[in-house]
Amino acid sequence: MSRAELTEPPAQAAKTAVGVRTPTPLWTLGLLRNELGTTLRRWRTIALLAVLAAVPVLVGIAVKIEMSDGSSAGGGGEGPAFIAQITNNGLFLVFTALAATLPFFLPMAVGVVAGDAIAGEANAGTLRYLLVAPAGRTRLLITKYATTLAFCVIATLVVATSALIVGALLFPLGELTTISGTRISFGEGLGRALLIALAVAASLIGIAALGLFVSTLTNSGIAAMATTVGLLITVQILDQIPQLHAIQPYFFSHYWLSFADLMRDPVYWDDLIRNLQLQGLYAAVFGAAAWARFTAKDITA
């Protein structure tokens, strides 16, 4: 029994032992700040962000070496084909890096953080004390999910910022040619790069909710992380099988590369909106499932 439980009245101690407390504000900025700070200070998180930041560096150096060898990549396109434009404008390295990291590296990093959110606390023996003082189950779960969403934004911006710096150092900057063939100013290109980064971060909402749900099913952080990453890989494979075309639009990863439509003139919004709707659906379904599981879970550690 904790010291907090010893000093509480019996009735209140009975409530806090199962994570039910007297009414408190649903949102506590301090709790979110502490959770986010704890997450970002972990060596595992720092390593994940370092790997993400290294991807644009490796891509930029590879393209620079190819360019110095006299090779030229022609043509335009979307997704990974943005790489054909890097030598003309370093800002395209931002789009290329996001396209390269979105299928696996970014969602894997988010899956690790989300999978460890609840299960990691249970494995470390700190979950019961988080529930006792001062957070109730619902507030703790919301804070954990908000922390994971904040990590989605941070991880995406790390990739984009690293790519922008490397692109500026290795390649020229200036006006951009969109996928539609029109020219836009560098300032507008930066604005679209920011929109693309936000669209990529929003694409990770679904995997974050799924990982949080998996995290409520076990007391092993490693098992939750491995399961979440395993589900990510499985869905990615299934999304490439032509015979499953009827159900593929419901996979959380199906519209991930729709962010390339932000580089059209005018912007194509259809797939971008479908992606946001799909991520919202996953967040609602698996967020509700995580809440139902967590609020009924017997906390013994």
Protein backbone atom coordinates (compact mmCIF):
# COMPACT_ATOMS: atom_id res chain seq x y z
CA MET A 1 0.00 0.00 0.00
CA SER A 2 1.32 3.42 -0.95
CA ARG A 3 1.82 6.34 1.43
CA ALA A 4 -0.95 8.23 -0.39
CA GLU A 5 -3.38 5.42 0.35
CA LEU A 6 -2.40 5.37 4.04
CA THR A 7 -3.21 9.06 4.44
CA GLU A 8 -6.55 8.93 2.62
CA PRO A 9 -9.87 8.16 4.27
CA PRO A 10 -10.94 4.52 3.75
CA ALA A 11 -13.76 5.42 1.35
CA GLN A 12 -11.52 7.63 -0.76
CA ALA A 13 -8.71 5.06 -0.70
CA ALA A 14 -11.11 2.41 -1.98
CA LYS A 15 -12.04 4.66 -4.88
CA THR A 16 -8.48 5.55 -5.82
CA ALA A 17 -7.35 1.92 -5.59
CA VAL A 18 -9.38 1.14 -8.70
CA GLY A 19 -8.64 4.42 -10.40
CA VAL A 20 -11.98 6.15 -9.64
CA ARG A 21 -11.65 9.59 -8.10
CA THR A 22 -13.89 12.45 -7.20
CA PRO A 23 -14.72 14.77 -10.13
CA THR A 24 -11.65 16.55 -11.48
CA PRO A 25 -11.07 18.66 -14.62
CA LEU A 26 -10.77 16.36 -17.63
CA TRP A 27 -7.80 18.16 -19.05
CA THR A 28 -4.70 19.04 -17.11
CA LEU A 29 -2.01 20.79 -19.10
CA GLY A 30 0.60 20.03 -16.46
CA LEU A 31 -0.06 16.30 -16.69
CA LEU A 32 0.26 16.38 -20.46
CA ARG A 33 3.47 18.39 -20.22
CA ASN A 34 4.95 15.91 -17.76
CA GLU A 35 3.95 12.92 -19.89
CA LEU A 36 5.36 14.47 -23.04
CA GLY A 37 8.57 15.46 -21.28
CA THR A 38 8.99 11.96 -19.89
CA THR A 39 8.40 10.43 -23.32
CA LEU A 40 10.87 12.71 -25.09
CA ARG A 41 13.57 12.16 -22.46
CA ARG A 42 13.63 8.39 -22.93
CA TRP A 43 16.67 7.09 -24.76
CA ARG A 44 14.42 4.94 -26.94
CA THR A 45 12.50 8.01 -28.12
CA ILE A 46 15.71 9.97 -28.73
CA ALA A 47 17.06 7.07 -30.80
CA LEU A 48 13.85 6.91 -32.87
CA LEU A 49 13.97 10.65 -33.57
CA ALA A 50 17.66 10.41 -34.47
CA VAL A 51 16.92 7.66 -37.01
CA LEU A 52 14.11 9.74 -38.50
CA ALA A 53 16.38 12.78 -38.76
CA ALA A 54 19.08 10.68 -40.42
CA VAL A 55 16.86 9.53 -43.30
CA PRO A 56 16.83 12.92 -45.12
CA VAL A 57 20.58 13.20 -44.61
CA LEU A 58 21.19 9.83 -46.25
CA VAL A 59 18.79 10.56 -49.11
CA GLY A 60 20.31 14.00 -49.71
CA ILE A 61 23.88 12.70 -49.71
CA ALA A 62 22.94 9.85 -52.06
CA VAL A 63 21.31 12.25 -54.53
CA LYS A 64 24.27 14.66 -54.28
CA ILE A 65 26.75 11.85 -55.02
CA GLU A 66 24.67 10.71 -57.98
CA MET A 67 24.52 14.27 -59.26
CA SER A 68 28.28 14.71 -58.92
CA ASP A 69 28.79 11.51 -60.93
CA GLY A 70 26.98 13.15 -63.83
CA SER A 71 23.77 11.18 -63.53
CA SER A 72 20.48 12.99 -63.88
CA ALA A 73 17.06 11.89 -62.83
CA GLY A 74 14.39 13.21 -65.09
CA GLY A 75 10.67 13.42 -64.89
CA GLY A 76 8.29 14.30 -62.16
CA GLY A 77 5.73 12.44 -60.18
CA GLU A 78 4.41 11.93 -56.75
CA GLY A 79 5.36 10.07 -53.60
CA PRO A 80 8.93 8.73 -53.85
CA ALA A 81 9.17 10.16 -57.41
CA PHE A 82 9.71 13.58 -55.76
CA ILE A 83 13.33 12.47 -55.63
CA ALA A 84 13.62 13.31 -59.34
CA GLN A 85 13.20 17.02 -58.48
CA ILE A 86 15.66 17.31 -55.58
CA THR A 87 18.59 18.37 -57.73
CA ASN A 88 16.51 21.27 -59.09
CA ASN A 89 15.18 22.43 -55.72
CA GLY A 90 16.24 21.30 -52.27
CA LEU A 91 12.73 21.80 -50.92
CA PHE A 92 11.71 18.62 -52.73
CA LEU A 93 13.89 16.73 -50.25
CA VAL A 94 11.22 17.50 -47.63
CA PHE A 95 8.54 15.80 -49.72
CA THR A 96 10.83 12.89 -50.59
CA ALA A 97 11.87 12.32 -46.99
CA LEU A 98 8.27 12.30 -45.77
CA ALA A 99 7.30 9.90 -48.57
CA ALA A 100 10.24 7.64 -47.67
CA THR A 101 9.55 7.56 -43.94
CA LEU A 102 5.75 7.43 -43.95
CA PRO A 103 5.26 3.82 -45.07
CA PHE A 104 7.31 2.38 -42.20
CA PHE A 105 9.71 4.52 -40.16
CA LEU A 106 7.26 7.17 -38.94
CA PRO A 107 4.38 4.77 -38.10
CA MET A 108 6.84 2.36 -36.49
CA ALA A 109 8.11 5.13 -34.20
CA VAL A 110 4.52 6.10 -33.34
CA GLY A 111 3.61 2.45 -32.79
CA VAL A 112 6.46 2.05 -30.31
CA VAL A 113 5.40 5.12 -28.32
CA ALA A 114 1.69 4.22 -28.40
CA GLY A 115 2.28 0.56 -27.58
CA ASP A 116 4.37 1.50 -24.56
CA ALA A 117 1.91 4.13 -23.28
CA ILE A 118 -0.07 1.96 -20.85
CA ALA A 119 1.70 -1.40 -21.00
CA GLY A 120 5.06 0.22 -20.26
CA GLU A 121 3.70 1.81 -17.08
CA ALA A 122 2.19 -1.52 -16.01
CA ASN A 123 5.46 -3.35 -16.69
CA ALA A 124 7.43 -0.77 -14.70
CA GLY A 125 4.98 -1.00 -11.79
CA THR A 126 4.04 2.70 -11.97
CA LEU A 127 0.56 2.45 -13.50
CA ARG A 128 -1.26 1.94 -10.19
CA TYR A 129 0.41 4.96 -8.65
CA LEU A 130 -0.42 7.13 -11.67
CA LEU A 131 -4.06 6.20 -11.15
CA VAL A 132 -3.95 6.81 -7.41
CA ALA A 133 -2.38 10.25 -7.54
CA PRO A 134 -3.65 12.29 -9.16
CA ALA A 135 -5.15 11.02 -12.47
CA GLY A 136 -8.26 8.91 -12.99
CA ARG A 137 -8.35 6.30 -15.72
CA THR A 138 -10.14 8.34 -18.36
CA ARG A 139 -7.96 11.40 -17.85
CA LEU A 140 -4.80 9.30 -17.90
CA LEU A 141 -5.85 7.54 -21.09
CA ILE A 142 -6.69 10.84 -22.80
CA THR A 143 -3.35 12.28 -21.70
CA LYS A 144 -1.48 9.25 -23.02
CA TYR A 145 -3.22 9.53 -26.38
CA ALA A 146 -2.64 13.28 -26.54
CA THR A 147 1.05 12.64 -25.81
CA THR A 148 1.18 10.11 -28.65
CA LEU A 149 -0.49 12.59 -31.03
CA ALA A 150 2.01 15.26 -30.00
CA PHE A 151 4.79 12.79 -30.77
CA CYS A 152 3.26 12.26 -34.23
CA VAL A 153 3.64 15.97 -34.92
CA ILE A 154 7.13 16.17 -33.41
CA ALA A 155 8.41 13.14 -35.32
CA THR A 156 7.03 14.47 -38.60
CA LEU A 157 8.52 17.91 -38.04
CA VAL A 158 11.90 16.34 -37.20
CA VAL A 159 11.91 14.65 -40.61
CA ALA A 160 10.73 17.80 -42.41
CA THR A 161 13.18 20.12 -40.61
CA SER A 162 16.14 17.81 -41.17
CA ALA A 163 15.21 17.53 -44.85
CA LEU A 164 14.84 21.29 -45.22
CA ILE A 165 18.26 21.95 -43.67
CA VAL A 166 20.00 19.28 -45.75
CA GLY A 167 18.19 20.39 -48.89
CA ALA A 168 19.25 23.99 -48.35
CA LEU A 169 22.87 22.98 -47.76
CA LEU A 170 23.25 20.61 -50.70
CA PHE A 171 20.91 21.90 -53.39
CA PRO A 172 19.59 25.20 -54.79
CA LEU A 173 16.37 26.73 -53.54
CA GLY A 174 13.84 28.81 -55.41
CA GLU A 175 10.55 28.56 -57.24
CA LEU A 176 8.94 25.11 -57.41
CA THR A 177 7.24 23.26 -60.23
CA THR A 178 4.11 21.49 -59.01
CA ILE A 179 2.98 18.07 -60.16
CA SER A 180 0.52 19.88 -62.44
CA GLY A 181 3.39 21.73 -64.12
CA THR A 182 2.66 25.19 -62.74
CA ARG A 183 5.23 27.35 -60.98
CA ILE A 184 4.84 28.57 -57.41
CA SER A 185 7.05 30.80 -55.30
CA PHE A 186 9.47 29.46 -52.71
CA GLY A 187 7.35 30.98 -49.93
CA GLU A 188 4.25 29.20 -51.16
CA GLY A 189 6.31 26.03 -51.47
CA LEU A 190 7.30 26.33 -47.81
CA GLY A 191 3.65 26.76 -46.91
CA ARG A 192 2.73 23.63 -48.81
CA ALA A 193 5.60 21.77 -47.17
CA LEU A 194 4.14 22.68 -43.78
CA LEU A 195 0.68 21.52 -44.89
CA ILE A 196 2.18 18.26 -46.14
CA ALA A 197 3.95 17.71 -42.80
CA LEU A 198 0.66 18.28 -40.96
CA ALA A 199 -1.15 15.92 -43.36
CA VAL A 200 1.48 13.24 -42.71
CA ALA A 201 1.16 13.73 -38.94
CA ALA A 202 -2.63 13.43 -39.23
CA SER A 203 -2.15 10.19 -41.18
CA LEU A 204 -0.65 8.65 -38.03
CA ILE A 205 -3.75 9.21 -35.87
CA GLY A 206 -5.13 5.77 -36.68
CA ILE A 207 -2.00 3.77 -35.85
CA ALA A 208 -1.66 5.82 -32.63
CA ALA A 209 -5.18 4.80 -31.52
CA LEU A 210 -4.59 1.19 -32.52
CA GLY A 211 -1.32 1.10 -30.58
CA LEU A 212 -2.96 2.60 -27.51
CA PHE A 213 -5.68 -0.06 -27.62
CA VAL A 214 -3.09 -2.84 -27.89
CA SER A 215 -1.25 -1.26 -24.97
CA THR A 216 -4.31 -1.74 -22.73
CA LEU A 217 -4.44 -5.46 -23.50
CA THR A 218 -1.15 -6.46 -21.92
CA ASN A 219 1.22 -5.58 -19.11
CA SER A 220 4.28 -6.05 -21.31
CA GLY A 221 5.51 -2.95 -23.08
CA ILE A 222 7.68 -4.96 -25.47
CA ALA A 223 4.75 -7.22 -26.41
CA ALA A 224 2.50 -4.20 -27.06
CA MET A 225 5.13 -2.48 -29.20
CA ALA A 226 5.89 -5.64 -31.18
CA THR A 227 2.19 -6.32 -31.76
CA THR A 228 1.53 -2.79 -32.97
CA VAL A 229 4.48 -2.85 -35.37
CA GLY A 230 3.45 -6.34 -36.50
CA LEU A 231 -0.06 -5.10 -37.30
CA LEU A 232 1.46 -2.18 -39.20
CA ILE A 233 3.54 -4.50 -41.37
CA THR A 234 0.61 -6.86 -41.92
CA VAL A 235 -1.70 -4.06 -43.06
CA GLN A 236 0.99 -2.70 -45.37
CA ILE A 237 1.36 -6.12 -47.01
CA LEU A 238 -2.39 -6.65 -47.35
CA ASP A 239 -2.72 -3.20 -48.92
CA GLN A 240 -0.49 -4.36 -51.79
CA ILE A 241 -2.47 -7.51 -52.70
CA PRO A 242 -4.68 -6.77 -55.72
CA GLN A 243 -7.25 -9.41 -54.77
CA LEU A 244 -8.11 -7.40 -51.64
CA HIS A 245 -8.95 -4.19 -53.50
CA ALA A 246 -12.53 -4.22 -52.15
CA ILE A 247 -11.41 -3.80 -48.52
CA GLN A 248 -8.15 -1.90 -49.02
CA PRO A 249 -9.80 1.57 -48.81
CA TYR A 250 -10.58 0.71 -45.17
CA PHE A 251 -6.94 0.04 -44.22
CA PHE A 252 -5.51 2.91 -42.18
CA SER A 253 -2.50 3.15 -44.51
CA HIS A 254 -4.39 3.17 -47.81
CA TYR A 255 -4.47 6.96 -48.34
CA TRP A 256 -1.18 7.81 -46.64
CA LEU A 257 0.53 9.04 -49.81
CA SER A 258 -2.41 11.28 -50.69
CA PHE A 259 -0.35 14.15 -49.24
CA ALA A 260 1.24 14.41 -52.71
CA ASP A 261 -2.02 15.96 -53.92
CA LEU A 262 -1.07 19.08 -51.98
CA MET A 263 1.59 19.62 -54.64
CA ARG A 264 -0.99 19.85 -57.40
CA ASP A 265 -2.42 23.08 -58.71
CA PRO A 266 -5.24 23.21 -57.88
CA VAL A 267 -4.99 20.90 -54.88
CA TYR A 268 -6.89 17.61 -55.13
CA TRP A 269 -8.75 17.29 -51.83
CA ASP A 270 -10.74 14.06 -52.34
CA ASP A 271 -8.18 11.50 -51.13
CA LEU A 272 -6.87 13.89 -48.48
CA ILE A 273 -10.36 14.19 -47.00
CA ARG A 274 -10.88 10.42 -47.23
CA ASN A 275 -7.63 9.91 -45.35
CA LEU A 276 -8.64 12.29 -42.55
CA GLN A 277 -12.07 10.66 -42.28
CA LEU A 278 -10.51 7.19 -42.14
CA GLN A 279 -8.02 8.24 -39.45
CA GLY A 280 -10.85 9.79 -37.45
CA LEU A 281 -12.83 6.55 -37.73
CA TYR A 282 -9.88 4.50 -36.44
CA ALA A 283 -9.32 6.99 -33.64
CA ALA A 284 -12.99 6.79 -32.60
CA VAL A 285 -13.26 2.98 -32.79
CA PHE A 286 -9.98 2.02 -31.17
CA GLY A 287 -10.04 4.98 -28.77
CA ALA A 288 -13.43 3.80 -27.51
CA ALA A 289 -12.16 0.21 -27.35
CA ALA A 290 -9.10 1.33 -25.37
CA TRP A 291 -11.31 3.29 -22.95
CA ALA A 292 -13.70 0.35 -22.47
CA ARG A 293 -10.81 -2.02 -21.82
CA PHE A 294 -8.79 0.30 -19.60
CA THR A 295 -11.65 1.45 -17.39
CA ALA A 296 -12.64 -2.18 -16.73
CA LYS A 297 -9.11 -3.52 -16.36
CA ASP A 298 -7.95 -4.90 -13.04
CA ILE A 299 -4.82 -2.93 -12.16
CA THR A 300 -2.49 -5.01 -10.04
CA ALA A 301 0.82 -3.29 -10.76
